[in-house]
Protein backbone atom coordinates (compact mmCIF):
# COMPACT_ATOMS: atom_id res chain seq x y z
CA MET A 1 3.64 4.23 12.01
CA SER A 2 6.46 4.76 9.54
CA LEU A 3 6.52 8.30 8.17
CA THR A 4 8.23 7.06 5.01
CA PHE A 5 4.90 5.61 3.86
CA LEU A 6 2.94 8.84 4.40
CA VAL A 7 2.08 11.40 1.79
CA ARG A 8 5.23 12.97 0.42
CA ALA A 9 3.75 16.40 -0.13
CA THR A 10 2.56 16.64 3.47
CA PHE A 11 5.93 15.50 4.74
CA ALA A 12 7.79 18.03 2.61
CA ALA A 13 5.44 20.81 3.66
CA VAL A 14 6.04 20.04 7.33
CA LEU A 15 9.77 20.06 6.70
CA ALA A 16 9.52 23.47 5.12
CA LEU A 17 7.48 24.77 8.04
CA THR A 18 9.82 23.45 10.69
CA ALA A 19 12.72 24.93 8.79
CA ALA A 20 11.20 28.35 9.34
CA ALA A 21 10.81 27.66 13.04
CA ALA A 22 14.08 25.81 13.59
CA PRO A 23 16.33 25.80 10.50
CA ALA A 24 19.19 24.03 12.20
CA GLN A 25 16.99 21.10 13.08
CA LYS A 26 15.63 20.79 9.57
CA ALA A 27 19.06 20.59 8.05
CA ASP A 28 20.12 18.11 10.71
CA ARG A 29 17.14 15.82 10.19
CA LEU A 30 17.36 15.69 6.41
CA HIS A 31 21.12 15.42 6.11
CA LYS A 32 22.10 13.59 9.25
CA GLN A 33 25.44 11.82 9.02
CA ALA A 34 25.77 8.32 10.38
CA PRO A 35 27.96 8.23 13.50
CA PRO A 36 31.43 6.70 13.08
CA GLY A 37 31.32 2.93 12.97
CA ALA A 38 27.56 2.88 12.40
CA GLU A 39 27.70 2.03 8.69
CA ARG A 40 25.63 -1.04 7.86
CA VAL A 41 27.09 -3.76 5.65
CA GLN A 42 24.65 -4.95 3.00
CA THR A 43 24.73 -8.73 2.64
CA PHE A 44 21.89 -9.27 0.16
CA THR A 45 21.18 -8.66 -3.51
CA PRO A 46 18.33 -6.16 -3.96
CA ALA A 47 15.04 -7.49 -5.30
CA PRO A 48 12.28 -4.98 -4.41
CA ALA A 49 8.69 -5.89 -5.21
CA ILE A 50 7.29 -4.93 -8.61
CA TRP A 51 3.81 -5.63 -9.99
CA ARG A 52 2.54 -5.35 -13.57
CA ILE A 53 -0.76 -4.56 -15.22
CA ALA A 54 -1.01 -4.82 -18.99
CA ASP A 55 -3.19 -5.16 -22.05
CA HIS A 56 -2.39 -5.37 -25.77
CA ASP A 57 -0.73 -1.94 -26.01
CA THR A 58 -0.20 -0.65 -22.44
CA VAL A 59 2.05 -1.80 -19.62
CA ILE A 60 2.10 -0.19 -16.18
CA TYR A 61 4.61 -1.33 -13.57
CA LEU A 62 3.67 -0.73 -9.92
CA PHE A 63 6.62 -0.06 -7.63
CA GLY A 64 6.34 0.76 -3.94
CA THR A 65 8.88 3.33 -2.80
CA ILE A 66 10.52 4.37 0.44
CA HIS A 67 10.72 8.16 0.52
CA ILE A 68 13.78 8.48 2.79
CA LEU A 69 16.77 6.13 2.52
CA ARG A 70 20.43 5.97 3.43
CA PRO A 71 22.59 6.65 0.36
CA THR A 72 24.59 3.43 0.82
CA LEU A 73 21.56 1.14 0.54
CA LYS A 74 21.54 -0.71 -2.79
CA TRP A 75 17.91 -1.22 -3.78
CA ARG A 76 17.83 -1.19 -7.60
CA SER A 77 17.60 -4.74 -8.93
CA ARG A 78 18.23 -5.87 -12.49
CA THR A 79 14.50 -6.25 -12.97
CA LEU A 80 13.84 -2.71 -11.77
CA ASN A 81 16.61 -1.32 -13.97
CA ARG A 82 15.01 -3.03 -16.99
CA VAL A 83 11.66 -1.50 -16.05
CA ILE A 84 13.26 1.95 -15.77
CA ALA A 85 14.83 1.53 -19.21
CA ARG A 86 11.57 0.37 -20.82
CA ALA A 87 9.26 2.96 -19.28
CA ASP A 88 8.24 5.97 -21.34
CA GLU A 89 7.24 7.98 -18.27
CA LEU A 90 7.38 8.00 -14.49
CA VAL A 91 4.30 8.69 -12.38
CA VAL A 92 4.78 9.55 -8.70
CA GLU A 93 2.49 10.79 -5.94
CA SER A 94 3.52 14.44 -6.27
CA SER A 95 6.56 15.35 -8.34
CA ASP A 96 9.24 17.71 -7.11
CA ALA A 97 8.21 20.20 -9.78
CA ASP A 98 4.55 20.14 -8.77
CA PHE A 99 5.33 20.52 -5.10
CA ALA A 100 7.81 23.34 -5.79
CA ALA A 101 5.07 25.23 -7.62
CA LEU A 102 2.89 25.10 -4.50
CA GLU A 103 5.52 25.30 -1.78
CA GLY A 104 5.26 29.03 -1.18
CA LYS A 105 1.48 28.88 -0.91
CA LEU A 106 1.54 25.91 1.46
CA VAL A 107 4.18 27.37 3.74
CA ALA A 108 2.31 30.68 3.87
CA GLU A 109 -0.89 28.88 4.85
CA MET A 110 0.90 26.91 7.55
CA ALA A 111 2.65 29.99 8.85
CA ALA A 112 -0.79 31.55 9.26
CA ASP A 113 -1.89 28.40 11.11
CA MET A 114 0.99 28.87 13.52
CA GLU A 115 -0.28 32.33 14.40
CA VAL A 116 -3.60 30.94 15.63
CA LYS A 117 -3.82 30.87 19.42
CA ARG A 118 -4.27 27.29 20.61
CA PRO A 119 -3.56 25.32 23.80
CA PRO A 120 -0.03 23.93 24.27
CA LEU A 121 0.27 20.54 22.63
CA LEU A 122 0.42 18.58 25.90
CA ASP A 123 -2.76 20.29 27.09
CA ARG A 124 -4.60 18.98 24.03
CA VAL A 125 -4.02 15.32 24.93
CA ARG A 126 -5.62 13.37 27.75
CA PRO A 127 -3.83 13.73 31.11
CA GLY A 128 -2.95 10.05 31.22
CA LYS A 129 -1.21 10.27 27.84
CA ARG A 130 0.82 13.43 28.42
CA ALA A 131 3.92 11.66 29.72
CA ALA A 132 4.05 9.43 26.64
CA VAL A 133 3.59 12.36 24.25
CA LYS A 134 6.27 14.32 26.10
CA ARG A 135 8.69 11.41 25.64
CA THR A 136 7.99 11.39 21.94
CA ILE A 137 8.56 15.15 21.76
CA ASP A 138 11.80 14.92 23.73
CA GLU A 139 13.07 12.15 21.44
CA SER A 140 12.17 14.06 18.27
CA GLY A 141 15.17 16.36 18.40
CA PHE A 142 12.99 19.43 17.83
CA PRO A 143 12.42 22.21 20.41
CA ALA A 144 9.46 21.29 22.59
CA ALA A 145 8.11 24.85 22.44
CA MET A 146 7.79 24.61 18.66
CA PHE A 147 5.02 22.02 18.96
CA ASP A 148 2.82 24.37 20.98
CA HIS A 149 2.44 26.56 17.89
CA LEU A 150 1.57 23.72 15.53
CA PRO A 151 -1.92 22.56 14.61
CA THR A 152 -2.36 18.99 15.77
CA TRP A 153 -2.14 17.48 12.29
CA MET A 154 1.20 19.18 11.72
CA ALA A 155 2.50 18.06 15.11
CA VAL A 156 1.69 14.44 14.24
CA PHE A 157 3.82 14.55 11.11
CA ALA A 158 6.58 16.62 12.68
CA LEU A 159 6.94 14.01 15.42
CA GLY A 160 7.20 11.36 12.76
CA MET A 161 9.98 13.37 11.12
CA GLY A 162 11.83 13.42 14.41
CA GLY A 163 11.95 9.65 14.32
CA LEU A 164 14.15 9.50 11.23
CA PRO A 165 17.02 7.04 11.65
CA ASP A 166 20.51 8.31 12.43
CA ASP A 167 22.04 6.30 9.59
CA GLY A 168 22.60 9.06 7.04
CA ALA A 169 19.15 8.64 5.48
CA THR A 170 17.99 11.56 3.33
CA ASP A 171 15.05 12.39 1.13
CA GLU A 172 17.46 12.96 -1.78
CA ALA A 173 18.53 9.29 -1.52
CA GLY A 174 14.91 8.14 -1.33
CA ALA A 175 13.51 6.00 -4.12
CA ASP A 176 11.12 8.68 -5.41
CA ALA A 177 13.76 11.38 -5.76
CA THR A 178 16.25 8.95 -7.28
CA LEU A 179 13.77 7.77 -9.89
CA GLU A 180 12.81 11.34 -10.75
CA ARG A 181 16.45 12.22 -11.38
CA LEU A 182 16.96 9.15 -13.58
CA PHE A 183 13.93 9.88 -15.73
CA LEU A 184 14.64 13.59 -16.08
CA LYS A 185 18.25 12.85 -17.04
CA ALA A 186 16.96 10.48 -19.73
CA GLY A 187 14.59 13.16 -21.03
CA LYS A 188 11.50 11.22 -19.95
CA PRO A 189 8.49 12.96 -18.38
CA VAL A 190 7.74 12.80 -14.65
CA LEU A 191 4.06 13.18 -13.81
CA SER A 192 2.01 13.40 -10.61
CA VAL A 193 -0.94 11.13 -9.89
CA GLU A 194 -2.47 13.61 -7.44
CA ASP A 195 -2.59 17.29 -6.55
CA PRO A 196 -0.42 17.96 -3.46
CA ASP A 197 -2.63 20.90 -2.52
CA ALA A 198 -5.66 18.60 -2.40
CA VAL A 199 -3.78 16.08 -0.27
CA ILE A 200 -2.82 18.76 2.25
CA ALA A 201 -6.45 19.91 2.33
CA ALA A 202 -7.63 16.36 3.06
CA VAL A 203 -5.15 16.01 5.90
CA ARG A 204 -6.16 19.35 7.39
CA ALA A 205 -9.79 18.23 7.32
CA ILE A 206 -9.16 15.20 9.56
CA PRO A 207 -11.12 15.70 12.81
CA GLU A 208 -9.07 16.84 15.79
CA ALA A 209 -10.18 13.87 17.90
CA ASP A 210 -8.79 11.41 15.38
CA LEU A 211 -5.48 13.25 15.20
CA LEU A 212 -5.19 13.34 18.98
CA ARG A 213 -5.79 9.59 19.12
CA LEU A 214 -2.86 9.08 16.78
CA LEU A 215 -0.73 11.60 18.63
CA GLU A 216 -1.29 9.74 21.89
CA ASP A 217 -0.23 6.41 20.39
CA GLU A 218 3.41 6.07 21.40
CA GLU A 219 3.77 2.94 19.27
CA ALA A 220 2.97 5.01 16.18
CA TYR A 221 6.45 6.52 16.35
CA ALA A 222 8.30 3.30 17.14
CA GLY A 223 10.00 0.88 14.75
CA ASP A 224 13.37 0.15 13.20
CA ALA A 225 13.46 2.10 9.95
CA ALA A 226 16.84 0.73 8.86
CA ASN A 227 15.66 -2.89 9.11
CA GLU A 228 12.35 -2.01 7.48
CA ASP A 229 14.20 -0.40 4.56
CA GLU A 230 16.38 -3.47 4.06
CA ALA A 231 13.35 -5.76 4.13
CA TRP A 232 11.75 -3.57 1.45
CA ALA A 233 14.91 -3.71 -0.68
CA ARG A 234 14.92 -7.53 -0.41
CA GLY A 235 11.33 -7.66 -1.64
CA ASP A 236 9.84 -8.66 1.71
CA VAL A 237 6.51 -6.83 1.84
CA SER A 238 5.14 -8.69 4.86
CA GLY A 239 5.80 -5.86 7.30
CA LEU A 240 5.12 -2.85 5.09
CA ALA A 241 1.53 -2.43 6.24
CA GLU A 242 2.43 -2.59 9.93
CA GLY A 243 1.04 0.44 11.71
CA LEU A 244 -0.81 1.62 8.61
CA GLY A 245 -4.09 -0.26 9.02
CA GLU A 246 -7.43 1.28 9.89
CA ALA A 247 -7.16 -0.05 13.43
CA ASP A 248 -3.75 1.63 13.80
CA LEU A 249 -4.49 5.02 12.27
CA GLY A 250 -8.18 5.32 13.05
CA PRO A 251 -10.95 5.49 10.41
CA ALA A 252 -10.60 9.16 9.46
CA VAL A 253 -6.80 9.20 9.19
CA TYR A 254 -6.78 5.87 7.34
CA ALA A 255 -9.37 7.10 4.86
CA ALA A 256 -7.54 10.36 4.17
CA LEU A 257 -4.03 8.93 3.87
CA ILE A 258 -4.59 5.43 2.51
CA ARG A 259 -8.01 4.27 1.30
CA ASP A 260 -9.28 7.39 -0.48
CA ARG A 261 -6.00 7.99 -2.25
CA ASN A 262 -5.67 4.34 -3.30
CA ARG A 263 -9.20 4.45 -4.70
CA ALA A 264 -8.40 7.58 -6.70
CA TRP A 265 -5.13 6.10 -7.98
CA THR A 266 -6.91 2.91 -9.02
CA GLY A 267 -9.29 4.95 -11.14
CA TRP A 268 -6.35 6.84 -12.63
CA LEU A 269 -4.58 3.58 -13.54
CA ILE A 270 -7.68 2.15 -15.23
CA GLU A 271 -8.07 5.33 -17.28
CA ARG A 272 -4.36 5.31 -18.16
CA MET A 273 -4.71 1.76 -19.51
CA LYS A 274 -6.87 3.22 -22.30
CA ARG A 275 -3.80 4.88 -23.82
CA PRO A 276 -0.77 2.99 -25.17
CA GLY A 277 2.65 3.20 -23.58
CA THR A 278 4.84 1.88 -20.80
CA VAL A 279 4.61 3.55 -17.39
CA LEU A 280 6.48 3.18 -14.10
CA PHE A 281 3.98 4.02 -11.36
CA ALA A 282 6.02 4.63 -8.19
CA VAL A 283 4.17 5.45 -4.97
CA GLY A 284 4.74 4.85 -1.27
CA ALA A 285 5.19 1.16 -0.53
CA GLY A 286 2.45 1.20 2.11
CA HIS A 287 -0.11 1.84 -0.63
CA LEU A 288 0.70 -1.44 -2.39
CA VAL A 289 0.06 -3.75 0.57
CA GLY A 290 -2.91 -4.54 2.79
CA PRO A 291 -6.64 -5.11 2.20
CA ASP A 292 -7.15 -1.71 0.58
CA SER A 293 -4.01 -1.78 -1.55
CA VAL A 294 -4.07 -0.48 -5.09
CA GLN A 295 -3.72 -4.06 -6.35
CA ALA A 296 -6.70 -5.20 -4.25
CA MET A 297 -8.80 -2.37 -5.63
CA LEU A 298 -7.69 -3.17 -9.18
CA ALA A 299 -8.68 -6.81 -8.65
CA LYS A 300 -12.18 -5.75 -7.56
CA ARG A 301 -12.47 -3.98 -10.91
CA GLY A 302 -11.27 -6.98 -12.86
CA VAL A 303 -7.65 -5.95 -13.40
CA ALA A 304 -4.93 -8.45 -12.48
CA SER A 305 -1.58 -7.19 -11.19
CA PRO A 306 0.83 -10.13 -10.85
CA ARG A 307 4.15 -9.66 -9.09
CA ILE A 308 7.03 -9.96 -11.56
CA ASP A 309 10.24 -9.54 -9.56
CA ARG A 310 10.44 -13.19 -8.43
């Protein structure tokens, strides 16, 4: 499971929490420098996937983002740059401004969660899975003792954070943050399609058993993020849904992170089509692929969303 496709607000909240517990690790994970000689040479012209829905006076471009990228990756194509120039507004999952307004509240709530007495993390998983979970913890780069204080949902995302590639990737270089800066610099509004507080609440409501199932899945934290990012930048969406299906995440996690949010966003897009304008709708790339993608849900409601980047 690639953490880059998970809810940005949850990810940022976990980062803030782990900063309080281990500030050195947080800085290291978000601003890790690529080791000498590890720089990747880009040999392709970027052509990331873009879809379009439109009527007589409204155009909405759908663009799937990667939240954490290496700064040297070139991912903005000519087509995307034209879309950016044409768009009147940017809509993201949860804007930096909206998350910042809630950050103190979220961190305070999670700090209170850390004070709750609970079994050590390894004691929460089945005995036969403890060795695998311990390997994932050891490879995360975070202190093992920190995880014993975390609720299980937070541990799942923190372990995903630990799997960030050592190629200089940062959230600041991610597609969402980059687009926000471009639109704000141009004096164009940046809006959120969802309430980050509500997303955090939905994640916290996932049953413990479903979270433990995901925690025990060692494959959920595997993968080659650098190659996945390059495939995304080339416009290859074939692997973007890998690890994000209902069979991978489990029904409850899948519903909370993928299906329910996509359904809500689909309704938002249909309502937005009632007002004129040109919108760039930029959300995690994993939401724009698979059987429950936003495009699939739009199609069920009679709205076509052809791909335009090719």
